[in-house]
Structures are given as structure tokens and as C-alpha cells.
Amino acid sequence: MTIGALSRATGVKVTTIRYYETIGLMARPARTASGHRRYTTAERDQLAFIRQARRLGFELDAIRELLELARYPEQSCSNADSIARRQKAEIEARIRRLETLDAELARMIADCEGGRTADCRVLEALTGS
């Protein structure tokens, strides 16, 4: 399939596919005589894997590790489990930071008495006054 067809099949932008090839996350595909990229279903599946991993927030280096682990189906999944646990811990930390921001914004909004911007508690909190 062409890069455009691969993009449509996976929901990944053409520029992103090219980027993944440039950084070696995906192998460069075979080319036609006219130089167009030709992708296989295996490459489509690999890109779908990458897309799902990105959706879950994995960094590219972690995805690279996971792709390498996936090449050896008989091995223990302890390394993949470890990578997933690290990602889960990062998400939990991010959630805690967001909850702190949410509470701070809620406090700012609750302190806002309305009226003029000169008396606005939201603007006051943002300027550090």
C-alpha cells in the first residue's frame, strides 16, 4: 500500500510516518521502480502498534524497546511489564499534578467576586499580587 493508504488505514499523518522512518522507529519500506514507498500489512500493523503506544503516552524510546521485545514472542514479558509500570507511574504523577492545578483553579474561581477586572481574584492570583 502507498504511504497515503497507510496513513488512512492507521490514522497516522504522512509526515509522522516519514518521521518514524527517519528516526529508525520504523524500517524504511521497499520502493517501487518510480521511487514510491510500498508498505506491507506487517508495516501497517507495526504502525498501529506505535499509534496505540503513543495514545497511551509512551515516549518514542519506550516504544522502540517495546517493538524490540515484540520481535521475541517466546521471551518473558517482564521487560514489557516494567516499561508499562513506569508509564503508569508517570501517568499517575501527571494526574496528581493536574489535580493540584484543578484545585488551585477552583480556589481562584471561588475567590472571584465578579465585577471589575481591577478587583478580579483570578487575575490577581495570576500576577502574584
N, C-alpha and C. Protein backbone atom coordinates (compact mmCIF):
# COMPACT_ATOMS: atom_id res chain seq x y z
N MET A 1 0.84 -1.17 0.00
CA MET A 1 0.00 0.00 0.00
C MET A 1 0.89 1.24 0.00
N THR A 2 0.36 2.33 -0.46
CA THR A 2 1.11 3.59 -0.52
C THR A 2 1.14 4.23 0.86
N ILE A 3 1.95 5.27 1.00
CA ILE A 3 2.03 5.97 2.28
C ILE A 3 0.69 6.63 2.61
N GLY A 4 -0.01 7.13 1.59
CA GLY A 4 -1.32 7.72 1.81
C GLY A 4 -2.33 6.69 2.30
N ALA A 5 -2.30 5.51 1.70
CA ALA A 5 -3.21 4.44 2.12
C ALA A 5 -2.86 3.99 3.54
N LEU A 6 -1.58 3.91 3.85
CA LEU A 6 -1.15 3.55 5.20
C LEU A 6 -1.62 4.59 6.20
N SER A 7 -1.50 5.84 5.83
CA SER A 7 -1.96 6.93 6.69
C SER A 7 -3.45 6.81 6.97
N ARG A 8 -4.22 6.58 5.94
CA ARG A 8 -5.68 6.44 6.11
C ARG A 8 -6.03 5.20 6.93
N ALA A 9 -5.31 4.11 6.73
CA ALA A 9 -5.59 2.85 7.43
C ALA A 9 -5.29 2.94 8.92
N THR A 10 -4.32 3.77 9.29
CA THR A 10 -3.88 3.82 10.69
C THR A 10 -4.25 5.11 11.40
N GLY A 11 -4.61 6.14 10.64
CA GLY A 11 -4.90 7.43 11.26
C GLY A 11 -3.64 8.20 11.65
N VAL A 12 -2.50 7.81 11.09
CA VAL A 12 -1.23 8.48 11.37
C VAL A 12 -0.89 9.36 10.17
N LYS A 13 -0.53 10.60 10.42
CA LYS A 13 -0.22 11.53 9.34
C LYS A 13 1.00 11.06 8.53
N VAL A 14 0.99 11.38 7.26
CA VAL A 14 2.09 11.02 6.36
C VAL A 14 3.41 11.57 6.89
N THR A 15 3.41 12.82 7.35
CA THR A 15 4.65 13.41 7.86
C THR A 15 5.16 12.65 9.09
N THR A 16 4.25 12.15 9.90
CA THR A 16 4.64 11.39 11.09
C THR A 16 5.24 10.05 10.68
N ILE A 17 4.65 9.41 9.68
CA ILE A 17 5.19 8.14 9.18
C ILE A 17 6.62 8.35 8.69
N ARG A 18 6.82 9.41 7.92
CA ARG A 18 8.17 9.71 7.41
C ARG A 18 9.14 9.98 8.56
N TYR A 19 8.66 10.69 9.58
CA TYR A 19 9.49 10.97 10.75
C TYR A 19 9.90 9.67 11.44
N TYR A 20 8.95 8.77 11.64
CA TYR A 20 9.26 7.49 12.28
C TYR A 20 10.30 6.72 11.48
N GLU A 21 10.25 6.82 10.17
CA GLU A 21 11.26 6.17 9.33
C GLU A 21 12.61 6.85 9.51
N THR A 22 12.62 8.17 9.55
CA THR A 22 13.86 8.94 9.68
C THR A 22 14.59 8.62 10.97
N ILE A 23 13.84 8.47 12.08
CA ILE A 23 14.47 8.21 13.37
C ILE A 23 14.69 6.72 13.62
N GLY A 24 14.27 5.89 12.66
CA GLY A 24 14.51 4.45 12.77
C GLY A 24 13.49 3.70 13.61
N LEU A 25 12.39 4.34 13.96
CA LEU A 25 11.35 3.64 14.71
C LEU A 25 10.67 2.62 13.80
N MET A 26 10.53 2.98 12.54
CA MET A 26 10.04 2.07 11.51
C MET A 26 11.15 1.91 10.47
N ALA A 27 11.25 0.72 9.92
CA ALA A 27 12.22 0.50 8.85
C ALA A 27 11.75 1.23 7.60
N ARG A 28 12.68 1.63 6.80
CA ARG A 28 12.31 2.26 5.53
C ARG A 28 11.70 1.18 4.64
N PRO A 29 10.57 1.46 4.02
CA PRO A 29 9.89 0.43 3.23
C PRO A 29 10.54 0.23 1.87
N ALA A 30 10.11 -0.84 1.24
CA ALA A 30 10.54 -1.08 -0.14
C ALA A 30 9.99 0.04 -1.01
N ARG A 31 10.60 0.23 -2.15
CA ARG A 31 10.16 1.29 -3.07
C ARG A 31 9.85 0.68 -4.43
N THR A 32 8.92 1.34 -5.09
CA THR A 32 8.59 0.93 -6.46
C THR A 32 9.70 1.42 -7.39
N ALA A 33 9.63 1.01 -8.64
CA ALA A 33 10.62 1.45 -9.63
C ALA A 33 10.61 2.97 -9.77
N SER A 34 9.45 3.58 -9.53
CA SER A 34 9.35 5.04 -9.63
C SER A 34 9.69 5.74 -8.31
N GLY A 35 10.09 4.97 -7.29
CA GLY A 35 10.55 5.56 -6.04
C GLY A 35 9.50 5.74 -4.96
N HIS A 36 8.27 5.29 -5.22
CA HIS A 36 7.22 5.43 -4.22
C HIS A 36 7.35 4.35 -3.14
N ARG A 37 7.06 4.75 -1.92
CA ARG A 37 7.10 3.78 -0.81
C ARG A 37 5.97 2.77 -0.98
N ARG A 38 6.26 1.50 -0.64
CA ARG A 38 5.25 0.44 -0.66
C ARG A 38 5.28 -0.25 0.70
N TYR A 39 4.15 -0.23 1.38
CA TYR A 39 4.06 -0.78 2.72
C TYR A 39 3.30 -2.10 2.71
N THR A 40 3.71 -2.98 3.61
CA THR A 40 3.06 -4.29 3.75
C THR A 40 2.07 -4.24 4.92
N THR A 41 1.30 -5.30 5.07
CA THR A 41 0.38 -5.37 6.21
C THR A 41 1.17 -5.45 7.52
N ALA A 42 2.34 -6.05 7.50
CA ALA A 42 3.18 -6.10 8.71
C ALA A 42 3.59 -4.69 9.13
N GLU A 43 3.93 -3.86 8.18
CA GLU A 43 4.29 -2.47 8.48
C GLU A 43 3.07 -1.68 8.95
N ARG A 44 1.92 -1.99 8.39
CA ARG A 44 0.68 -1.36 8.86
C ARG A 44 0.42 -1.74 10.31
N ASP A 45 0.60 -3.02 10.62
CA ASP A 45 0.38 -3.48 11.99
C ASP A 45 1.38 -2.85 12.96
N GLN A 46 2.61 -2.71 12.52
CA GLN A 46 3.63 -2.08 13.36
C GLN A 46 3.26 -0.61 13.62
N LEU A 47 2.80 0.08 12.61
CA LEU A 47 2.41 1.47 12.78
C LEU A 47 1.19 1.59 13.70
N ALA A 48 0.27 0.65 13.60
CA ALA A 48 -0.89 0.64 14.50
C ALA A 48 -0.42 0.43 15.94
N PHE A 49 0.57 -0.43 16.14
CA PHE A 49 1.17 -0.66 17.46
C PHE A 49 1.75 0.65 17.99
N ILE A 50 2.52 1.33 17.16
CA ILE A 50 3.14 2.60 17.55
C ILE A 50 2.07 3.63 17.90
N ARG A 51 1.04 3.70 17.08
CA ARG A 51 -0.04 4.67 17.33
C ARG A 51 -0.72 4.39 18.67
N GLN A 52 -1.01 3.14 18.95
CA GLN A 52 -1.65 2.78 20.22
C GLN A 52 -0.73 3.11 21.40
N ALA A 53 0.55 2.82 21.25
CA ALA A 53 1.50 3.13 22.31
C ALA A 53 1.58 4.64 22.54
N ARG A 54 1.57 5.41 21.48
CA ARG A 54 1.58 6.88 21.62
C ARG A 54 0.30 7.35 22.30
N ARG A 55 -0.82 6.74 21.95
CA ARG A 55 -2.10 7.11 22.57
C ARG A 55 -2.04 6.88 24.08
N LEU A 56 -1.32 5.85 24.48
CA LEU A 56 -1.16 5.55 25.90
C LEU A 56 -0.07 6.39 26.57
N GLY A 57 0.55 7.27 25.78
CA GLY A 57 1.52 8.21 26.33
C GLY A 57 2.95 7.74 26.37
N PHE A 58 3.25 6.59 25.78
CA PHE A 58 4.63 6.10 25.78
C PHE A 58 5.51 7.02 24.95
N GLU A 59 6.71 7.27 25.46
CA GLU A 59 7.71 8.04 24.72
C GLU A 59 8.27 7.15 23.60
N LEU A 60 8.89 7.78 22.61
CA LEU A 60 9.41 7.04 21.46
C LEU A 60 10.46 6.01 21.85
N ASP A 61 11.32 6.33 22.82
CA ASP A 61 12.34 5.36 23.24
C ASP A 61 11.70 4.12 23.86
N ALA A 62 10.64 4.31 24.64
CA ALA A 62 9.94 3.17 25.24
C ALA A 62 9.27 2.35 24.15
N ILE A 63 8.71 3.02 23.15
CA ILE A 63 8.07 2.30 22.04
C ILE A 63 9.11 1.49 21.28
N ARG A 64 10.26 2.06 21.10
CA ARG A 64 11.35 1.35 20.42
C ARG A 64 11.69 0.06 21.19
N GLU A 65 11.77 0.18 22.52
CA GLU A 65 12.05 -1.00 23.36
C GLU A 65 10.93 -2.03 23.23
N LEU A 66 9.69 -1.57 23.26
CA LEU A 66 8.55 -2.49 23.16
C LEU A 66 8.52 -3.20 21.81
N LEU A 67 8.82 -2.46 20.75
CA LEU A 67 8.87 -3.07 19.42
C LEU A 67 9.95 -4.15 19.37
N GLU A 68 11.09 -3.87 19.98
CA GLU A 68 12.17 -4.85 20.01
C GLU A 68 11.74 -6.09 20.79
N LEU A 69 11.08 -5.89 21.93
CA LEU A 69 10.61 -7.02 22.73
C LEU A 69 9.58 -7.85 21.96
N ALA A 70 8.74 -7.19 21.18
CA ALA A 70 7.69 -7.88 20.43
C ALA A 70 8.28 -8.82 19.37
N ARG A 71 9.52 -8.59 19.00
CA ARG A 71 10.17 -9.45 18.00
C ARG A 71 10.49 -10.84 18.55
N TYR A 72 10.44 -11.01 19.87
CA TYR A 72 10.81 -12.27 20.51
C TYR A 72 9.65 -12.79 21.35
N PRO A 73 8.65 -13.39 20.71
CA PRO A 73 7.43 -13.80 21.41
C PRO A 73 7.62 -14.88 22.46
N GLU A 74 8.72 -15.59 22.45
CA GLU A 74 8.94 -16.66 23.43
C GLU A 74 9.57 -16.16 24.73
N GLN A 75 10.03 -14.92 24.74
CA GLN A 75 10.67 -14.39 25.94
C GLN A 75 9.65 -14.01 27.00
N SER A 76 10.13 -13.87 28.22
CA SER A 76 9.30 -13.39 29.33
C SER A 76 8.86 -11.96 29.02
N CYS A 77 7.68 -11.62 29.50
CA CYS A 77 7.19 -10.26 29.26
C CYS A 77 7.56 -9.33 30.41
N SER A 78 8.50 -9.73 31.26
CA SER A 78 8.85 -8.90 32.42
C SER A 78 9.38 -7.53 32.01
N ASN A 79 10.15 -7.45 30.93
CA ASN A 79 10.65 -6.15 30.48
C ASN A 79 9.52 -5.26 29.98
N ALA A 80 8.60 -5.84 29.22
CA ALA A 80 7.45 -5.06 28.75
C ALA A 80 6.61 -4.61 29.93
N ASP A 81 6.45 -5.50 30.90
CA ASP A 81 5.69 -5.17 32.10
C ASP A 81 6.34 -4.01 32.84
N SER A 82 7.65 -4.03 32.94
CA SER A 82 8.39 -2.96 33.61
C SER A 82 8.20 -1.62 32.90
N ILE A 83 8.26 -1.64 31.58
CA ILE A 83 8.05 -0.42 30.80
C ILE A 83 6.64 0.11 31.02
N ALA A 84 5.66 -0.78 31.02
CA ALA A 84 4.27 -0.37 31.23
C ALA A 84 4.08 0.18 32.64
N ARG A 85 4.72 -0.43 33.62
CA ARG A 85 4.61 0.06 35.01
C ARG A 85 5.21 1.46 35.15
N ARG A 86 6.34 1.69 34.48
CA ARG A 86 6.94 3.04 34.50
C ARG A 86 5.99 4.06 33.89
N GLN A 87 5.35 3.67 32.78
CA GLN A 87 4.42 4.58 32.12
C GLN A 87 3.22 4.86 33.02
N LYS A 88 2.71 3.83 33.67
CA LYS A 88 1.58 4.01 34.58
C LYS A 88 1.95 4.95 35.72
N ALA A 89 3.14 4.79 36.28
CA ALA A 89 3.60 5.68 37.36
C ALA A 89 3.69 7.12 36.88
N GLU A 90 4.16 7.32 35.65
CA GLU A 90 4.25 8.67 35.09
C GLU A 90 2.86 9.27 34.92
N ILE A 91 1.92 8.48 34.44
CA ILE A 91 0.54 8.97 34.27
C ILE A 91 -0.06 9.33 35.63
N GLU A 92 0.17 8.49 36.63
CA GLU A 92 -0.35 8.78 37.97
C GLU A 92 0.24 10.08 38.52
N ALA A 93 1.53 10.31 38.29
CA ALA A 93 2.16 11.56 38.73
C ALA A 93 1.57 12.75 38.00
N ARG A 94 1.33 12.58 36.71
CA ARG A 94 0.71 13.65 35.91
C ARG A 94 -0.69 13.96 36.42
N ILE A 95 -1.44 12.92 36.75
CA ILE A 95 -2.80 13.11 37.28
C ILE A 95 -2.74 13.89 38.59
N ARG A 96 -1.80 13.56 39.46
CA ARG A 96 -1.67 14.29 40.73
C ARG A 96 -1.36 15.77 40.47
N ARG A 97 -0.47 16.04 39.52
CA ARG A 97 -0.15 17.44 39.19
C ARG A 97 -1.39 18.15 38.65
N LEU A 98 -2.15 17.47 37.80
CA LEU A 98 -3.37 18.08 37.24
C LEU A 98 -4.42 18.31 38.32
N GLU A 99 -4.53 17.39 39.27
CA GLU A 99 -5.49 17.57 40.37
C GLU A 99 -5.11 18.78 41.21
N THR A 100 -3.81 19.00 41.42
CA THR A 100 -3.35 20.18 42.15
C THR A 100 -3.71 21.45 41.39
N LEU A 101 -3.48 21.44 40.08
CA LEU A 101 -3.85 22.60 39.26
C LEU A 101 -5.35 22.83 39.28
N ASP A 102 -6.12 21.76 39.22
CA ASP A 102 -7.57 21.87 39.25
C ASP A 102 -8.03 22.51 40.56
N ALA A 103 -7.46 22.08 41.67
CA ALA A 103 -7.84 22.64 42.97
C ALA A 103 -7.47 24.12 43.05
N GLU A 104 -6.31 24.46 42.52
CA GLU A 104 -5.88 25.86 42.52
C GLU A 104 -6.82 26.72 41.68
N LEU A 105 -7.18 26.23 40.51
CA LEU A 105 -8.12 26.97 39.66
C LEU A 105 -9.49 27.09 40.32
N ALA A 106 -9.95 26.02 40.96
CA ALA A 106 -11.24 26.07 41.65
C ALA A 106 -11.22 27.12 42.75
N ARG A 107 -10.10 27.20 43.49
CA ARG A 107 -9.97 28.20 44.54
C ARG A 107 -9.99 29.60 43.95
N MET A 108 -9.27 29.80 42.84
CA MET A 108 -9.25 31.11 42.19
C MET A 108 -10.64 31.52 41.74
N ILE A 109 -11.36 30.59 41.16
CA ILE A 109 -12.71 30.87 40.67
C ILE A 109 -13.64 31.18 41.84
N ALA A 110 -13.53 30.39 42.90
CA ALA A 110 -14.38 30.61 44.08
C ALA A 110 -14.10 31.97 44.71
N ASP A 111 -12.84 32.40 44.68
CA ASP A 111 -12.47 33.70 45.25
C ASP A 111 -12.87 34.87 44.37
N CYS A 112 -13.20 34.59 43.13
CA CYS A 112 -13.56 35.66 42.20
C CYS A 112 -14.95 36.19 42.58
N GLU A 113 -15.01 37.47 42.82
CA GLU A 113 -16.27 38.08 43.23
C GLU A 113 -17.01 38.70 42.05
N GLY A 114 -16.47 38.57 40.87
CA GLY A 114 -17.10 39.21 39.73
C GLY A 114 -16.79 40.69 39.75
N GLY A 115 -17.54 41.44 39.02
CA GLY A 115 -17.31 42.89 39.00
C GLY A 115 -16.22 43.28 38.03
N ARG A 116 -15.44 44.25 38.44
CA ARG A 116 -14.44 44.83 37.55
C ARG A 116 -13.16 43.99 37.53
N THR A 117 -12.45 44.06 36.42
CA THR A 117 -11.19 43.31 36.33
C THR A 117 -10.16 43.83 37.32
N ALA A 118 -10.27 45.08 37.73
CA ALA A 118 -9.34 45.62 38.72
C ALA A 118 -9.45 44.87 40.05
N ASP A 119 -10.62 44.27 40.31
CA ASP A 119 -10.85 43.53 41.55
C ASP A 119 -10.88 42.01 41.33
N CYS A 120 -10.50 41.56 40.16
CA CYS A 120 -10.64 40.15 39.80
C CYS A 120 -9.60 39.29 40.52
N ARG A 121 -10.06 38.35 41.32
CA ARG A 121 -9.17 37.48 42.08
C ARG A 121 -8.39 36.53 41.16
N VAL A 122 -8.98 36.15 40.04
CA VAL A 122 -8.28 35.27 39.09
C VAL A 122 -7.06 35.99 38.54
N LEU A 123 -7.26 37.23 38.06
CA LEU A 123 -6.13 37.99 37.51
C LEU A 123 -5.11 38.31 38.60
N GLU A 124 -5.59 38.58 39.79
CA GLU A 124 -4.69 38.86 40.91
C GLU A 124 -3.81 37.65 41.23
N ALA A 125 -4.40 36.47 41.24
CA ALA A 125 -3.64 35.26 41.53
C ALA A 125 -2.60 34.98 40.45
N LEU A 126 -2.94 35.29 39.21
CA LEU A 126 -2.01 35.04 38.11
C LEU A 126 -0.84 36.01 38.11
N THR A 127 -1.08 37.22 38.59
CA THR A 127 0.01 38.20 38.62
C THR A 127 0.84 38.08 39.89
N GLY A 128 0.38 37.25 40.83
CA GLY A 128 1.12 37.05 42.06
C GLY A 128 0.92 38.16 43.07
N SER A 129 -0.08 38.99 42.85
CA SER A 129 -0.34 40.13 43.76
C SER A 129 -0.95 39.66 45.06
